[in-house]
Amino acid sequence: MNALGRHLLLELNDCNREVLDDLEFIRHAMLRAAEQAGATVVGESFHKFDPIGVTGIVAIAESHLCIHTWPEYGYAAADVFTCGDDFDPYQAAGLLIEKLSCTQPSITEIQRGQLTQIAPSGAVS
């Protein structure tokens, strides 16, 4: 990898609306996605909105996974950000897509910390 990290932006359209509003389901899906993809979970925080919607983050030693849901639209926005090569963000993304029964997913990858642009001292070249 020629970057410090890989950041996947997930646009998850046409998901199961019921599970998008279920905090425990979302929490379990996020933790399972992190663990099955080989991440080391170091923390988590989830919140259920009133009247609907869930937001959550799973902090991993390799970086993070986060999600925000809009059940009324059948939509979720999720991020999978990882540093290093030991954790496959695409595996975690695939597991989330599957768990949310998403039929119209879109994934955009951003390379974070391009090594050709950052000198080891932190100065931008």
N, C-alpha and C. Protein backbone atom coordinates (compact mmCIF):
# COMPACT_ATOMS: atom_id res chain seq x y z
N MET A 1 0.85 -1.17 0.00
CA MET A 1 0.00 0.00 0.00
C MET A 1 0.90 1.24 0.00
N ASN A 2 0.57 2.22 -0.83
CA ASN A 2 1.31 3.47 -0.90
C ASN A 2 0.64 4.57 -0.09
N ALA A 3 -0.16 4.18 0.86
CA ALA A 3 -0.87 5.13 1.71
C ALA A 3 -0.88 4.58 3.13
N LEU A 4 -1.13 5.46 4.08
CA LEU A 4 -1.19 5.04 5.48
C LEU A 4 -2.49 4.31 5.79
N GLY A 5 -3.55 4.60 5.03
CA GLY A 5 -4.81 3.95 5.31
C GLY A 5 -5.73 3.91 4.11
N ARG A 6 -6.73 3.04 4.22
CA ARG A 6 -7.78 2.92 3.20
C ARG A 6 -9.09 3.27 3.87
N HIS A 7 -9.86 4.15 3.24
CA HIS A 7 -11.13 4.61 3.81
C HIS A 7 -12.23 4.30 2.81
N LEU A 8 -13.12 3.40 3.18
CA LEU A 8 -14.26 3.06 2.33
C LEU A 8 -15.48 3.84 2.76
N LEU A 9 -16.11 4.50 1.80
CA LEU A 9 -17.37 5.21 2.03
C LEU A 9 -18.47 4.37 1.42
N LEU A 10 -19.41 3.93 2.23
CA LEU A 10 -20.48 3.07 1.78
C LEU A 10 -21.79 3.84 1.70
N GLU A 11 -22.39 3.83 0.52
CA GLU A 11 -23.73 4.36 0.30
C GLU A 11 -24.63 3.14 0.22
N LEU A 12 -25.44 2.93 1.23
CA LEU A 12 -26.23 1.71 1.32
C LEU A 12 -27.71 2.03 1.11
N ASN A 13 -28.15 1.89 -0.11
CA ASN A 13 -29.54 2.16 -0.49
C ASN A 13 -30.34 0.87 -0.56
N ASP A 14 -31.63 1.00 -0.31
CA ASP A 14 -32.57 -0.12 -0.36
C ASP A 14 -32.18 -1.21 0.63
N CYS A 15 -32.04 -0.80 1.89
CA CYS A 15 -31.76 -1.73 3.00
C CYS A 15 -33.06 -2.11 3.68
N ASN A 16 -33.00 -3.13 4.51
CA ASN A 16 -34.13 -3.55 5.33
C ASN A 16 -34.42 -2.43 6.34
N ARG A 17 -35.56 -1.78 6.20
CA ARG A 17 -35.90 -0.62 7.04
C ARG A 17 -36.03 -0.97 8.52
N GLU A 18 -36.52 -2.16 8.82
CA GLU A 18 -36.69 -2.55 10.22
C GLU A 18 -35.35 -2.66 10.94
N VAL A 19 -34.38 -3.30 10.31
CA VAL A 19 -33.09 -3.47 10.99
C VAL A 19 -32.34 -2.15 11.10
N LEU A 20 -32.60 -1.21 10.19
CA LEU A 20 -31.93 0.09 10.27
C LEU A 20 -32.34 0.88 11.51
N ASP A 21 -33.46 0.50 12.12
CA ASP A 21 -33.94 1.21 13.31
C ASP A 21 -33.75 0.39 14.59
N ASP A 22 -33.01 -0.70 14.49
CA ASP A 22 -32.82 -1.61 15.62
C ASP A 22 -31.38 -1.46 16.14
N LEU A 23 -31.23 -0.74 17.23
CA LEU A 23 -29.90 -0.44 17.76
C LEU A 23 -29.09 -1.71 18.03
N GLU A 24 -29.69 -2.69 18.66
CA GLU A 24 -28.94 -3.91 18.99
C GLU A 24 -28.55 -4.68 17.74
N PHE A 25 -29.40 -4.69 16.73
CA PHE A 25 -29.06 -5.36 15.48
C PHE A 25 -27.88 -4.64 14.82
N ILE A 26 -27.94 -3.31 14.74
CA ILE A 26 -26.87 -2.52 14.13
C ILE A 26 -25.57 -2.72 14.91
N ARG A 27 -25.65 -2.65 16.22
CA ARG A 27 -24.46 -2.85 17.06
C ARG A 27 -23.83 -4.21 16.79
N HIS A 28 -24.64 -5.25 16.80
CA HIS A 28 -24.12 -6.60 16.57
C HIS A 28 -23.52 -6.72 15.18
N ALA A 29 -24.20 -6.17 14.16
CA ALA A 29 -23.70 -6.24 12.78
C ALA A 29 -22.36 -5.54 12.64
N MET A 30 -22.22 -4.38 13.26
CA MET A 30 -20.96 -3.63 13.17
C MET A 30 -19.82 -4.37 13.88
N LEU A 31 -20.09 -4.85 15.08
CA LEU A 31 -19.05 -5.59 15.82
C LEU A 31 -18.66 -6.86 15.09
N ARG A 32 -19.64 -7.55 14.55
CA ARG A 32 -19.37 -8.79 13.81
C ARG A 32 -18.55 -8.52 12.55
N ALA A 33 -18.89 -7.43 11.84
CA ALA A 33 -18.15 -7.07 10.63
C ALA A 33 -16.69 -6.79 10.97
N ALA A 34 -16.47 -6.05 12.05
CA ALA A 34 -15.09 -5.73 12.46
C ALA A 34 -14.34 -7.00 12.83
N GLU A 35 -14.93 -7.81 13.68
CA GLU A 35 -14.25 -9.01 14.17
C GLU A 35 -14.00 -10.03 13.06
N GLN A 36 -14.99 -10.27 12.19
CA GLN A 36 -14.82 -11.27 11.14
C GLN A 36 -13.80 -10.83 10.10
N ALA A 37 -13.61 -9.53 9.96
CA ALA A 37 -12.62 -9.03 8.99
C ALA A 37 -11.22 -8.96 9.60
N GLY A 38 -11.10 -9.34 10.87
CA GLY A 38 -9.79 -9.42 11.49
C GLY A 38 -9.37 -8.21 12.30
N ALA A 39 -10.29 -7.32 12.61
CA ALA A 39 -9.96 -6.12 13.38
C ALA A 39 -9.93 -6.43 14.88
N THR A 40 -9.24 -5.57 15.61
CA THR A 40 -9.19 -5.66 17.06
C THR A 40 -10.05 -4.54 17.63
N VAL A 41 -11.22 -4.89 18.17
CA VAL A 41 -12.15 -3.89 18.71
C VAL A 41 -11.60 -3.35 20.03
N VAL A 42 -11.53 -2.02 20.13
CA VAL A 42 -11.04 -1.38 21.36
C VAL A 42 -12.09 -0.50 22.02
N GLY A 43 -13.24 -0.29 21.36
CA GLY A 43 -14.31 0.50 21.96
C GLY A 43 -15.50 0.59 21.03
N GLU A 44 -16.60 1.10 21.56
CA GLU A 44 -17.81 1.24 20.77
C GLU A 44 -18.73 2.27 21.42
N SER A 45 -19.56 2.90 20.59
CA SER A 45 -20.59 3.82 21.08
C SER A 45 -21.72 3.82 20.06
N PHE A 46 -22.96 3.61 20.55
CA PHE A 46 -24.13 3.58 19.69
C PHE A 46 -25.24 4.42 20.32
N HIS A 47 -26.09 5.00 19.47
CA HIS A 47 -27.18 5.84 19.96
C HIS A 47 -28.41 5.60 19.10
N LYS A 48 -29.57 5.47 19.74
CA LYS A 48 -30.87 5.34 19.06
C LYS A 48 -31.55 6.69 19.12
N PHE A 49 -31.93 7.21 17.95
CA PHE A 49 -32.61 8.50 17.88
C PHE A 49 -34.11 8.33 18.04
N ASP A 50 -34.77 9.40 18.48
CA ASP A 50 -36.22 9.43 18.61
C ASP A 50 -36.76 10.44 17.61
N PRO A 51 -37.56 10.06 16.64
CA PRO A 51 -38.32 8.81 16.65
C PRO A 51 -37.62 7.63 15.98
N ILE A 52 -36.71 7.88 15.00
CA ILE A 52 -36.08 6.74 14.33
C ILE A 52 -34.64 7.06 13.97
N GLY A 53 -33.88 6.00 13.75
CA GLY A 53 -32.50 6.13 13.31
C GLY A 53 -31.51 5.69 14.37
N VAL A 54 -30.36 5.25 13.89
CA VAL A 54 -29.29 4.76 14.76
C VAL A 54 -27.98 5.32 14.23
N THR A 55 -27.09 5.66 15.13
CA THR A 55 -25.73 6.02 14.75
C THR A 55 -24.79 5.23 15.64
N GLY A 56 -23.63 4.88 15.10
CA GLY A 56 -22.72 4.11 15.92
C GLY A 56 -21.31 4.11 15.36
N ILE A 57 -20.38 3.87 16.27
CA ILE A 57 -18.97 3.76 15.87
C ILE A 57 -18.35 2.60 16.64
N VAL A 58 -17.52 1.88 15.92
CA VAL A 58 -16.71 0.83 16.53
C VAL A 58 -15.26 1.27 16.35
N ALA A 59 -14.61 1.55 17.45
CA ALA A 59 -13.19 1.89 17.40
C ALA A 59 -12.40 0.60 17.37
N ILE A 60 -11.49 0.52 16.41
CA ILE A 60 -10.65 -0.66 16.28
C ILE A 60 -9.19 -0.22 16.35
N ALA A 61 -8.32 -1.12 16.73
CA ALA A 61 -6.90 -0.78 16.80
C ALA A 61 -6.40 -0.30 15.44
N GLU A 62 -7.03 -0.78 14.38
CA GLU A 62 -6.64 -0.44 13.02
C GLU A 62 -7.29 0.86 12.52
N SER A 63 -8.26 1.43 13.22
CA SER A 63 -8.93 2.72 12.97
C SER A 63 -10.38 2.67 13.42
N HIS A 64 -11.38 2.63 12.47
CA HIS A 64 -12.79 2.64 12.90
C HIS A 64 -13.76 2.17 11.82
N LEU A 65 -14.95 1.83 12.30
CA LEU A 65 -16.12 1.61 11.46
C LEU A 65 -17.22 2.50 12.04
N CYS A 66 -17.99 3.17 11.20
CA CYS A 66 -19.11 3.95 11.72
C CYS A 66 -20.30 3.84 10.78
N ILE A 67 -21.48 4.14 11.33
CA ILE A 67 -22.72 4.04 10.55
C ILE A 67 -23.72 5.07 11.05
N HIS A 68 -24.54 5.55 10.11
CA HIS A 68 -25.66 6.43 10.41
C HIS A 68 -26.81 5.92 9.55
N THR A 69 -27.99 5.71 10.18
CA THR A 69 -29.10 5.12 9.43
C THR A 69 -30.29 6.08 9.32
N TRP A 70 -30.97 5.98 8.21
CA TRP A 70 -32.21 6.68 7.94
C TRP A 70 -33.24 5.63 7.54
N PRO A 71 -33.87 4.97 8.53
CA PRO A 71 -34.81 3.89 8.21
C PRO A 71 -35.95 4.33 7.30
N GLU A 72 -36.40 5.56 7.44
CA GLU A 72 -37.52 6.04 6.63
C GLU A 72 -37.19 6.07 5.14
N TYR A 73 -35.91 6.06 4.81
CA TYR A 73 -35.47 6.05 3.41
C TYR A 73 -34.83 4.71 3.02
N GLY A 74 -34.73 3.79 3.96
CA GLY A 74 -34.06 2.52 3.67
C GLY A 74 -32.59 2.71 3.36
N TYR A 75 -31.98 3.74 3.98
CA TYR A 75 -30.61 4.17 3.65
C TYR A 75 -29.71 4.19 4.88
N ALA A 76 -28.46 3.82 4.65
CA ALA A 76 -27.43 3.96 5.68
C ALA A 76 -26.15 4.46 5.03
N ALA A 77 -25.45 5.33 5.74
CA ALA A 77 -24.12 5.77 5.34
C ALA A 77 -23.15 5.12 6.32
N ALA A 78 -22.14 4.47 5.79
CA ALA A 78 -21.17 3.80 6.67
C ALA A 78 -19.76 4.06 6.16
N ASP A 79 -18.82 4.06 7.09
CA ASP A 79 -17.40 4.22 6.78
C ASP A 79 -16.65 3.03 7.37
N VAL A 80 -15.65 2.59 6.65
CA VAL A 80 -14.71 1.60 7.18
C VAL A 80 -13.33 2.15 6.87
N PHE A 81 -12.61 2.53 7.93
CA PHE A 81 -11.29 3.12 7.76
C PHE A 81 -10.29 2.22 8.46
N THR A 82 -9.22 1.90 7.75
CA THR A 82 -8.22 1.00 8.32
C THR A 82 -6.81 1.45 7.96
N CYS A 83 -5.92 1.24 8.88
CA CYS A 83 -4.50 1.49 8.68
C CYS A 83 -3.80 0.12 8.60
N GLY A 84 -2.78 0.02 7.81
CA GLY A 84 -2.03 -1.23 7.72
C GLY A 84 -2.67 -2.21 6.77
N ASP A 85 -2.08 -3.40 6.71
CA ASP A 85 -2.49 -4.40 5.74
C ASP A 85 -3.13 -5.65 6.36
N ASP A 86 -3.30 -5.68 7.69
CA ASP A 86 -3.79 -6.90 8.33
C ASP A 86 -5.30 -7.02 8.37
N PHE A 87 -6.01 -5.96 8.03
CA PHE A 87 -7.46 -5.92 8.11
C PHE A 87 -8.00 -5.55 6.73
N ASP A 88 -8.94 -6.33 6.21
CA ASP A 88 -9.50 -6.08 4.88
C ASP A 88 -10.80 -5.30 5.01
N PRO A 89 -10.79 -4.00 4.69
CA PRO A 89 -12.02 -3.20 4.84
C PRO A 89 -13.14 -3.68 3.92
N TYR A 90 -12.81 -4.27 2.78
CA TYR A 90 -13.85 -4.76 1.87
C TYR A 90 -14.60 -5.95 2.45
N GLN A 91 -13.93 -6.75 3.25
CA GLN A 91 -14.61 -7.87 3.90
C GLN A 91 -15.62 -7.32 4.92
N ALA A 92 -15.22 -6.33 5.70
CA ALA A 92 -16.14 -5.72 6.67
C ALA A 92 -17.31 -5.07 5.94
N ALA A 93 -17.04 -4.37 4.85
CA ALA A 93 -18.10 -3.72 4.07
C ALA A 93 -19.09 -4.75 3.54
N GLY A 94 -18.58 -5.84 3.00
CA GLY A 94 -19.44 -6.89 2.47
C GLY A 94 -20.34 -7.50 3.53
N LEU A 95 -19.80 -7.67 4.72
CA LEU A 95 -20.60 -8.22 5.80
C LEU A 95 -21.71 -7.26 6.21
N LEU A 96 -21.41 -5.96 6.24
CA LEU A 96 -22.46 -4.98 6.57
C LEU A 96 -23.55 -4.96 5.50
N ILE A 97 -23.14 -4.98 4.25
CA ILE A 97 -24.10 -5.00 3.14
C ILE A 97 -25.04 -6.20 3.27
N GLU A 98 -24.45 -7.34 3.58
CA GLU A 98 -25.24 -8.56 3.74
C GLU A 98 -26.19 -8.46 4.93
N LYS A 99 -25.68 -8.03 6.08
CA LYS A 99 -26.49 -7.96 7.31
C LYS A 99 -27.66 -6.99 7.16
N LEU A 100 -27.45 -5.90 6.43
CA LEU A 100 -28.51 -4.90 6.27
C LEU A 100 -29.44 -5.21 5.11
N SER A 101 -29.22 -6.35 4.46
CA SER A 101 -30.01 -6.76 3.29
C SER A 101 -30.05 -5.64 2.24
N CYS A 102 -28.90 -5.04 2.01
CA CYS A 102 -28.79 -3.92 1.08
C CYS A 102 -28.75 -4.44 -0.36
N THR A 103 -29.66 -3.94 -1.20
CA THR A 103 -29.69 -4.39 -2.59
C THR A 103 -29.04 -3.40 -3.55
N GLN A 104 -28.73 -2.19 -3.07
CA GLN A 104 -28.10 -1.19 -3.93
C GLN A 104 -26.93 -0.53 -3.22
N PRO A 105 -25.85 -1.28 -2.97
CA PRO A 105 -24.69 -0.68 -2.31
C PRO A 105 -23.76 0.00 -3.30
N SER A 106 -23.06 0.99 -2.81
CA SER A 106 -22.02 1.65 -3.59
C SER A 106 -20.85 1.90 -2.64
N ILE A 107 -19.64 1.58 -3.09
CA ILE A 107 -18.44 1.76 -2.26
C ILE A 107 -17.45 2.63 -3.00
N THR A 108 -16.98 3.65 -2.32
CA THR A 108 -15.92 4.51 -2.83
C THR A 108 -14.72 4.37 -1.91
N GLU A 109 -13.55 4.12 -2.48
CA GLU A 109 -12.33 3.99 -1.67
C GLU A 109 -11.50 5.25 -1.81
N ILE A 110 -11.03 5.73 -0.66
CA ILE A 110 -10.12 6.87 -0.62
C ILE A 110 -8.83 6.41 0.05
N GLN A 111 -7.71 6.70 -0.58
CA GLN A 111 -6.41 6.41 0.03
C GLN A 111 -6.08 7.57 0.96
N ARG A 112 -5.85 7.28 2.22
CA ARG A 112 -5.56 8.33 3.20
C ARG A 112 -4.07 8.33 3.50
N GLY A 113 -3.50 9.52 3.64
CA GLY A 113 -2.08 9.63 3.95
C GLY A 113 -1.21 9.12 2.84
N GLN A 114 -1.36 9.67 1.64
CA GLN A 114 -0.55 9.24 0.50
C GLN A 114 0.93 9.41 0.84
N LEU A 115 1.68 8.33 0.83
CA LEU A 115 3.08 8.36 1.24
C LEU A 115 3.95 9.19 0.32
N THR A 116 3.53 9.39 -0.91
CA THR A 116 4.32 10.22 -1.82
C THR A 116 4.17 11.70 -1.50
N GLN A 117 3.18 12.05 -0.68
CA GLN A 117 2.93 13.45 -0.35
C GLN A 117 3.34 13.82 1.07
N ILE A 118 3.61 12.84 1.90
CA ILE A 118 3.94 13.13 3.30
C ILE A 118 5.35 12.61 3.60
N ALA A 119 6.19 13.51 4.05
CA ALA A 119 7.54 13.12 4.47
C ALA A 119 7.47 12.54 5.88
N PRO A 120 8.36 11.63 6.26
CA PRO A 120 8.32 11.01 7.58
C PRO A 120 8.31 12.01 8.74
N SER A 121 8.88 13.18 8.58
CA SER A 121 8.89 14.16 9.66
C SER A 121 7.54 14.83 9.84
N GLY A 122 6.62 14.56 8.91
CA GLY A 122 5.30 15.19 8.97
C GLY A 122 5.19 16.38 8.04
N ALA A 123 6.29 16.81 7.46
CA ALA A 123 6.25 17.92 6.53
C ALA A 123 5.68 17.47 5.20
N VAL A 124 4.86 18.27 4.60
CA VAL A 124 4.28 17.93 3.30
C VAL A 124 5.29 18.24 2.23
N SER A 125 5.46 17.27 1.33
CA SER A 125 6.45 17.49 0.24
C SER A 125 5.77 17.94 -1.02
